[in-house]
Amino acid sequence: MTVAEVRALAERVEAEVAKAVVGQAEAVRLLTIALLASGHILLEGPPGVAKTLLAQCFARATGLDYGRIQFTPDLMPGDILGSNLFDFRTSSFSLVRGPVFTELLLADEINRTPPKTQAALLEAMQERSVTLDGTSHALSPRFMVVATQNPIEHQGIYPLPEAQLDRFLFKHVLDYPSAADERRIVADHGRRVGTATPDGWGVTAVTDAAALAAASATVAAVGLVDEVIDYVVALVRATRDTPDLASGASPRAAAVLASAARAAAVLDGRDFVLPDDVKALAPSVLRHRVIVSAAAEIDGRPVDDILSGLIARVAAPR
């Protein structure tokens, strides 16, 4: 598949999702990049900004098998992964697969379940496999987790551990829509009855597994020049050297930032990565991998402001 064909595929996916979801083009772009770069994404936003509908429509438009888990305080690891159950008719154990055995898994309100249950996803997200009773079961090579969380609730939530957060390629923050977009939402959705679904909005698959595999291969063929590699490393290392951050990003952050930049370049119609690709994706890759220092927190400085200043200070190659 050529770069132009991958770009056209991404545009078709975005147009299909836009049938139901208004004003979230950037979120769809990041979802597409995550899919092509074999990554996962954490969506954070207040209730009612279409986080769940966005995941449903993206899965439908890309032709991915879709599964959903509503995370609750009493959710157990077996509820996610499945288990081996004894069948008295055959006197043998048989695998009952959990909802993780899908291609796009919506982990809805992931921070409502304790860390022990959150950790059930670690192997699946990193290795795309699940181990049950000592036996490893492979997941789809297209497996990706789209997790959601609500930033304004403080009761009954369990913040995601750093090891869990580091498995997400992106953390994207969905804000309230603009006045124009909100008016369009009311005009479109307000005339309908019931909950919005991909079927109700006519969202259909515009690609398939073979095309997605070819698109991922195209992204994998994009090279990185030494200057861009050095820039990625400098950005990530700078997060460890600023007093505004108590903890910086990991080497994994540098590797996935470079990988995501390759996918972004292809979506923009190029077979080479520019420093601007890295710069544009850095906040979404880094914001959940760093910890704001106590002094910066007391001063009320949000992590995005700190990262913006840091990105501005690190010289980009010309």
Protein backbone atom coordinates (compact mmCIF):
# COMPACT_ATOMS: atom_id res chain seq x y z
CA MET A 1 0.00 0.00 0.00
CA THR A 2 1.33 3.44 -0.92
CA VAL A 3 1.55 6.38 1.44
CA ALA A 4 -1.21 8.13 -0.52
CA GLU A 5 -3.46 5.10 -0.13
CA VAL A 6 -2.90 4.99 3.63
CA ARG A 7 -3.73 8.67 3.87
CA ALA A 8 -6.92 8.12 1.86
CA LEU A 9 -7.87 5.21 4.13
CA ALA A 10 -7.44 7.39 7.21
CA GLU A 11 -9.57 10.12 5.65
CA ARG A 12 -12.35 7.60 4.94
CA VAL A 13 -12.27 6.42 8.55
CA GLU A 14 -12.43 9.98 9.85
CA ALA A 15 -15.36 10.83 7.56
CA GLU A 16 -17.24 7.71 8.64
CA VAL A 17 -16.77 8.42 12.36
CA ALA A 18 -17.82 12.04 11.79
CA LYS A 19 -21.27 10.84 10.77
CA ALA A 20 -22.01 10.30 14.48
CA VAL A 21 -19.26 12.11 16.42
CA VAL A 22 -18.96 15.86 16.00
CA GLY A 23 -15.75 17.83 16.43
CA GLN A 24 -13.33 15.06 17.43
CA ALA A 25 -11.07 14.91 14.37
CA GLU A 26 -7.92 15.05 16.50
CA ALA A 27 -9.10 12.11 18.62
CA VAL A 28 -9.85 10.07 15.48
CA ARG A 29 -6.40 10.90 14.11
CA LEU A 30 -4.73 9.71 17.33
CA LEU A 31 -6.83 6.54 17.32
CA THR A 32 -5.71 5.86 13.75
CA ILE A 33 -2.07 6.51 14.61
CA ALA A 34 -2.34 4.21 17.62
CA LEU A 35 -3.85 1.45 15.47
CA LEU A 36 -1.16 1.72 12.78
CA ALA A 37 1.63 1.96 15.38
CA SER A 38 0.30 -0.97 17.45
CA GLY A 39 -0.47 1.25 20.42
CA HIS A 40 -3.25 1.91 22.92
CA ILE A 41 -4.97 5.14 23.90
CA LEU A 42 -6.43 6.59 27.09
CA LEU A 43 -9.28 9.05 26.58
CA GLU A 44 -9.94 11.44 29.45
CA GLY A 45 -12.91 13.76 29.49
CA PRO A 46 -16.06 14.72 31.36
CA PRO A 47 -19.25 12.69 30.92
CA GLY A 48 -21.18 13.25 27.73
CA VAL A 49 -18.37 14.15 25.31
CA ALA A 50 -18.85 10.93 23.27
CA LYS A 51 -15.87 8.91 24.50
CA THR A 52 -17.76 5.62 24.26
CA LEU A 53 -19.49 6.48 20.99
CA LEU A 54 -16.15 7.50 19.52
CA ALA A 55 -14.64 4.09 20.30
CA GLN A 56 -17.70 2.26 18.96
CA CYS A 57 -17.72 4.21 15.70
CA PHE A 58 -13.96 3.87 15.20
CA ALA A 59 -14.21 0.11 15.65
CA ARG A 60 -17.07 -0.06 13.16
CA ALA A 61 -15.35 2.16 10.57
CA THR A 62 -12.11 0.16 10.72
CA GLY A 63 -13.87 -3.21 10.67
CA LEU A 64 -12.36 -4.26 14.01
CA ASP A 65 -14.09 -6.73 16.32
CA TYR A 66 -15.37 -4.69 19.25
CA GLY A 67 -15.60 -5.60 22.93
CA ARG A 68 -16.50 -3.51 25.94
CA ILE A 69 -15.82 -3.87 29.65
CA GLN A 70 -17.52 -1.61 32.17
CA PHE A 71 -14.93 -1.30 34.93
CA THR A 72 -16.42 -1.38 38.44
CA PRO A 73 -14.95 -1.80 41.94
CA ASP A 74 -16.01 -5.46 42.11
CA LEU A 75 -14.61 -6.45 38.70
CA MET A 76 -12.17 -9.37 38.92
CA PRO A 77 -9.26 -10.31 36.60
CA GLY A 78 -11.17 -13.39 35.45
CA ASP A 79 -14.01 -11.15 34.29
CA ILE A 80 -11.55 -9.62 31.81
CA LEU A 81 -9.37 -12.54 30.80
CA GLY A 82 -11.68 -15.52 31.14
CA SER A 83 -10.90 -18.82 32.87
CA ASN A 84 -10.58 -22.56 32.45
CA LEU A 85 -13.78 -24.23 33.63
CA PHE A 86 -14.26 -27.94 34.29
CA ASP A 87 -16.79 -29.56 32.00
CA PHE A 88 -18.37 -32.54 33.80
CA ARG A 89 -19.71 -33.90 30.53
CA THR A 90 -16.26 -34.34 29.04
CA SER A 91 -14.29 -34.55 32.33
CA SER A 92 -11.91 -31.90 31.04
CA PHE A 93 -11.21 -28.22 31.34
CA SER A 94 -12.28 -25.85 28.59
CA LEU A 95 -11.31 -22.23 28.06
CA VAL A 96 -14.05 -19.66 28.49
CA ARG A 97 -12.62 -16.57 26.81
CA GLY A 98 -13.14 -13.20 28.44
CA PRO A 99 -13.96 -9.96 26.61
CA VAL A 100 -10.23 -9.21 26.18
CA PHE A 101 -10.26 -11.66 23.27
CA THR A 102 -11.26 -9.08 20.69
CA GLU A 103 -9.55 -6.50 18.48
CA LEU A 104 -10.67 -3.15 19.87
CA LEU A 105 -11.39 -3.35 23.59
CA LEU A 106 -13.17 -0.42 25.21
CA ALA A 107 -12.08 -0.30 28.86
CA ASP A 108 -14.81 2.04 30.04
CA GLU A 109 -14.02 4.04 33.20
CA ILE A 110 -10.86 2.04 33.74
CA ASN A 111 -10.01 3.91 36.94
CA ARG A 112 -13.11 2.59 38.73
CA THR A 113 -11.52 -0.80 39.38
CA PRO A 114 -8.67 -1.64 41.81
CA PRO A 115 -5.06 -1.90 40.54
CA LYS A 116 -5.11 -5.72 40.83
CA THR A 117 -7.82 -5.88 38.19
CA GLN A 118 -6.27 -3.11 36.09
CA ALA A 119 -3.08 -5.18 36.03
CA ALA A 120 -4.91 -7.97 34.23
CA LEU A 121 -4.46 -5.92 31.06
CA LEU A 122 -0.69 -5.44 31.36
CA GLU A 123 0.35 -8.59 29.50
CA ALA A 124 -2.37 -8.15 26.89
CA MET A 125 -1.33 -4.57 26.16
CA GLN A 126 2.39 -5.26 26.06
CA GLU A 127 2.66 -8.72 24.51
CA ARG A 128 -0.78 -9.16 22.92
CA SER A 129 -1.24 -12.44 24.71
CA VAL A 130 -3.05 -13.73 27.78
CA THR A 131 -1.70 -16.38 30.17
CA LEU A 132 -4.26 -18.57 31.90
CA ASP A 133 -3.15 -21.43 34.17
CA GLY A 134 0.32 -21.35 32.65
CA THR A 135 -0.85 -21.46 29.03
CA SER A 136 -0.34 -18.48 26.75
CA HIS A 137 -3.14 -17.52 24.37
CA ALA A 138 -2.38 -15.10 21.52
CA LEU A 139 -4.54 -12.07 20.86
CA SER A 140 -5.13 -10.46 17.50
CA PRO A 141 -2.14 -8.54 16.10
CA ARG A 142 -4.56 -5.61 15.75
CA PHE A 143 -5.54 -5.75 19.45
CA MET A 144 -5.77 -2.28 20.95
CA VAL A 145 -7.21 -0.90 24.16
CA VAL A 146 -9.22 2.30 24.17
CA ALA A 147 -9.66 3.22 27.82
CA THR A 148 -11.76 6.06 29.22
CA GLN A 149 -11.75 7.91 32.48
CA ASN A 150 -13.57 10.86 33.99
CA PRO A 151 -11.26 13.59 35.38
CA ILE A 152 -13.82 15.33 37.60
CA GLU A 153 -14.84 12.43 39.83
CA HIS A 154 -12.91 11.72 43.01
CA GLN A 155 -15.10 9.18 44.78
CA GLY A 156 -14.69 5.48 44.14
CA ILE A 157 -11.77 5.73 41.74
CA TYR A 158 -8.34 4.11 41.72
CA PRO A 159 -5.65 6.11 39.89
CA LEU A 160 -3.82 4.07 37.28
CA PRO A 161 -0.33 2.94 38.38
CA GLU A 162 2.66 4.22 36.42
CA ALA A 163 3.28 0.77 34.89
CA GLN A 164 -0.28 0.75 33.54
CA LEU A 165 -0.10 4.31 32.23
CA ASP A 166 3.18 3.59 30.47
CA ARG A 167 1.42 0.94 28.36
CA PHE A 168 -0.70 3.62 26.68
CA LEU A 169 0.82 5.23 23.62
CA PHE A 170 -1.38 8.32 24.00
CA LYS A 171 -3.41 10.07 26.63
CA HIS A 172 -5.84 12.36 24.84
CA VAL A 173 -7.91 14.90 26.74
CA LEU A 174 -11.37 15.53 25.31
CA ASP A 175 -12.75 18.92 26.30
CA TYR A 176 -16.22 20.33 25.87
CA PRO A 177 -17.02 21.16 22.22
CA SER A 178 -17.02 24.64 20.76
CA ALA A 179 -20.31 26.55 20.64
CA ALA A 180 -20.70 25.78 16.93
CA ASP A 181 -20.01 22.07 17.40
CA GLU A 182 -22.33 21.89 20.41
CA ARG A 183 -25.11 23.49 18.40
CA ARG A 184 -24.60 20.91 15.66
CA ILE A 185 -24.68 18.11 18.25
CA VAL A 186 -27.98 19.38 19.61
CA ALA A 187 -29.41 19.86 16.11
CA ASP A 188 -28.38 16.35 15.01
CA HIS A 189 -28.69 14.25 18.16
CA GLY A 190 -31.47 16.24 19.80
CA ARG A 191 -33.91 15.24 17.08
CA ARG A 192 -33.39 11.54 17.74
CA VAL A 193 -34.81 9.24 20.39
CA GLY A 194 -32.70 6.84 22.40
CA THR A 195 -28.96 6.29 22.73
CA ALA A 196 -26.73 7.04 19.76
CA THR A 197 -25.19 3.95 18.13
CA PRO A 198 -23.04 3.40 15.03
CA ASP A 199 -25.95 1.57 13.39
CA GLY A 200 -28.31 4.45 14.03
CA TRP A 201 -25.97 6.86 12.28
CA GLY A 202 -25.17 4.57 9.38
CA VAL A 203 -21.50 4.07 10.28
CA THR A 204 -20.09 1.21 8.22
CA ALA A 205 -16.69 -0.42 7.72
CA VAL A 206 -14.54 1.36 5.14
CA THR A 207 -11.54 -0.97 5.41
CA ASP A 208 -10.66 -4.52 6.43
CA ALA A 209 -7.96 -6.58 8.13
CA ALA A 210 -5.86 -6.97 4.97
CA ALA A 211 -5.86 -3.23 4.27
CA LEU A 212 -4.98 -2.40 7.87
CA ALA A 213 -2.08 -4.87 7.79
CA ALA A 214 -0.84 -3.30 4.55
CA ALA A 215 -1.17 0.19 6.04
CA SER A 216 0.80 -0.85 9.13
CA ALA A 217 3.51 -2.30 6.86
CA THR A 218 3.72 1.02 5.04
CA VAL A 219 4.21 2.83 8.35
CA ALA A 220 6.86 0.30 9.40
CA ALA A 221 8.82 1.05 6.23
CA VAL A 222 9.18 4.74 7.09
CA GLY A 223 12.71 5.53 8.21
CA LEU A 224 14.08 7.87 10.85
CA VAL A 225 17.10 10.05 10.18
CA ASP A 226 19.65 10.50 12.93
CA GLU A 227 18.65 14.12 13.54
CA VAL A 228 15.05 13.14 14.32
CA ILE A 229 16.20 10.28 16.57
CA ASP A 230 18.43 12.68 18.48
CA TYR A 231 15.54 15.13 18.82
CA VAL A 232 13.22 12.46 20.25
CA VAL A 233 15.86 11.41 22.77
CA ALA A 234 16.57 15.02 23.75
CA LEU A 235 12.87 15.72 24.36
CA VAL A 236 12.37 12.67 26.55
CA ARG A 237 15.59 13.17 28.49
CA ALA A 238 14.62 16.80 29.11
CA THR A 239 11.61 15.57 31.12
CA ARG A 240 14.07 14.02 33.59
CA ASP A 241 16.17 17.18 33.97
CA THR A 242 13.57 19.83 34.76
CA PRO A 243 12.75 20.71 38.38
CA ASP A 244 9.10 21.08 37.39
CA LEU A 245 8.76 17.31 37.07
CA ALA A 246 9.38 14.89 39.93
CA SER A 247 9.60 11.98 37.52
CA GLY A 248 10.36 12.03 33.80
CA ALA A 249 9.40 9.78 30.91
CA SER A 250 10.84 6.32 30.32
CA PRO A 251 12.96 5.10 27.39
CA ARG A 252 9.78 3.37 26.19
CA ALA A 253 8.28 6.85 25.78
CA ALA A 254 11.06 7.79 23.36
CA ALA A 255 10.60 4.59 21.33
CA VAL A 256 6.83 4.91 21.02
CA LEU A 257 7.05 8.64 20.26
CA ALA A 258 9.29 7.85 17.30
CA SER A 259 6.97 5.04 16.20
CA ALA A 260 3.90 7.28 16.41
CA ALA A 261 5.69 10.05 14.48
CA ARG A 262 6.23 7.62 11.59
CA ALA A 263 2.50 6.89 11.45
CA ALA A 264 1.69 10.62 11.65
CA ALA A 265 4.02 11.31 8.74
CA VAL A 266 2.22 8.73 6.59
CA LEU A 267 -1.19 10.19 7.48
CA ASP A 268 0.14 13.53 6.25
CA GLY A 269 1.23 11.96 2.97
CA ARG A 270 4.96 11.66 3.62
CA ASP A 271 7.38 8.73 3.77
CA PHE A 272 9.76 10.60 6.06
CA VAL A 273 9.43 12.04 9.58
CA LEU A 274 9.78 15.75 10.33
CA PRO A 275 10.61 17.23 13.74
CA ASP A 276 7.14 18.82 13.64
CA ASP A 277 5.61 15.31 13.68
CA VAL A 278 7.44 14.60 16.92
CA LYS A 279 6.60 17.98 18.38
CA ALA A 280 2.88 17.64 17.63
CA LEU A 281 2.58 14.21 19.26
CA ALA A 282 4.88 14.78 22.25
CA PRO A 283 2.20 16.16 24.64
CA SER A 284 -0.13 13.18 24.06
CA VAL A 285 2.74 10.71 24.46
CA LEU A 286 4.30 12.35 27.54
CA ARG A 287 1.50 13.86 29.66
CA HIS A 288 0.64 10.57 31.40
CA ARG A 289 4.25 9.43 31.75
CA VAL A 290 5.54 12.29 33.90
CA ILE A 291 4.77 13.40 37.45
CA VAL A 292 4.51 17.09 38.31
CA SER A 293 6.80 18.20 41.15
CA ALA A 294 5.32 19.34 44.45
CA ALA A 295 6.49 22.92 43.88
CA ALA A 296 4.91 23.12 40.43
CA GLU A 297 1.71 21.57 41.78
CA ILE A 298 1.55 24.16 44.57
CA ASP A 299 2.01 26.88 41.97
CA GLY A 300 -0.94 25.45 40.06
CA ARG A 301 1.04 24.66 36.93
CA PRO A 302 -0.66 21.94 34.86
CA VAL A 303 1.39 19.23 33.21
CA ASP A 304 0.51 20.42 29.70
CA ASP A 305 1.92 23.89 30.40
CA ILE A 306 5.12 22.38 31.74
CA LEU A 307 5.48 20.13 28.69
CA SER A 308 4.75 23.02 26.31
CA GLY A 309 7.55 25.05 27.86
CA LEU A 310 9.90 22.09 27.78
CA ILE A 311 9.15 21.35 24.11
CA ALA A 312 9.73 25.01 23.25
CA ARG A 313 13.13 24.96 24.98
CA VAL A 314 14.49 21.83 23.29
CA ALA A 315 15.99 22.85 19.96
CA ALA A 316 14.53 21.02 16.98
CA PRO A 317 16.73 20.09 14.02
CA ARG A 318 16.31 22.10 10.85
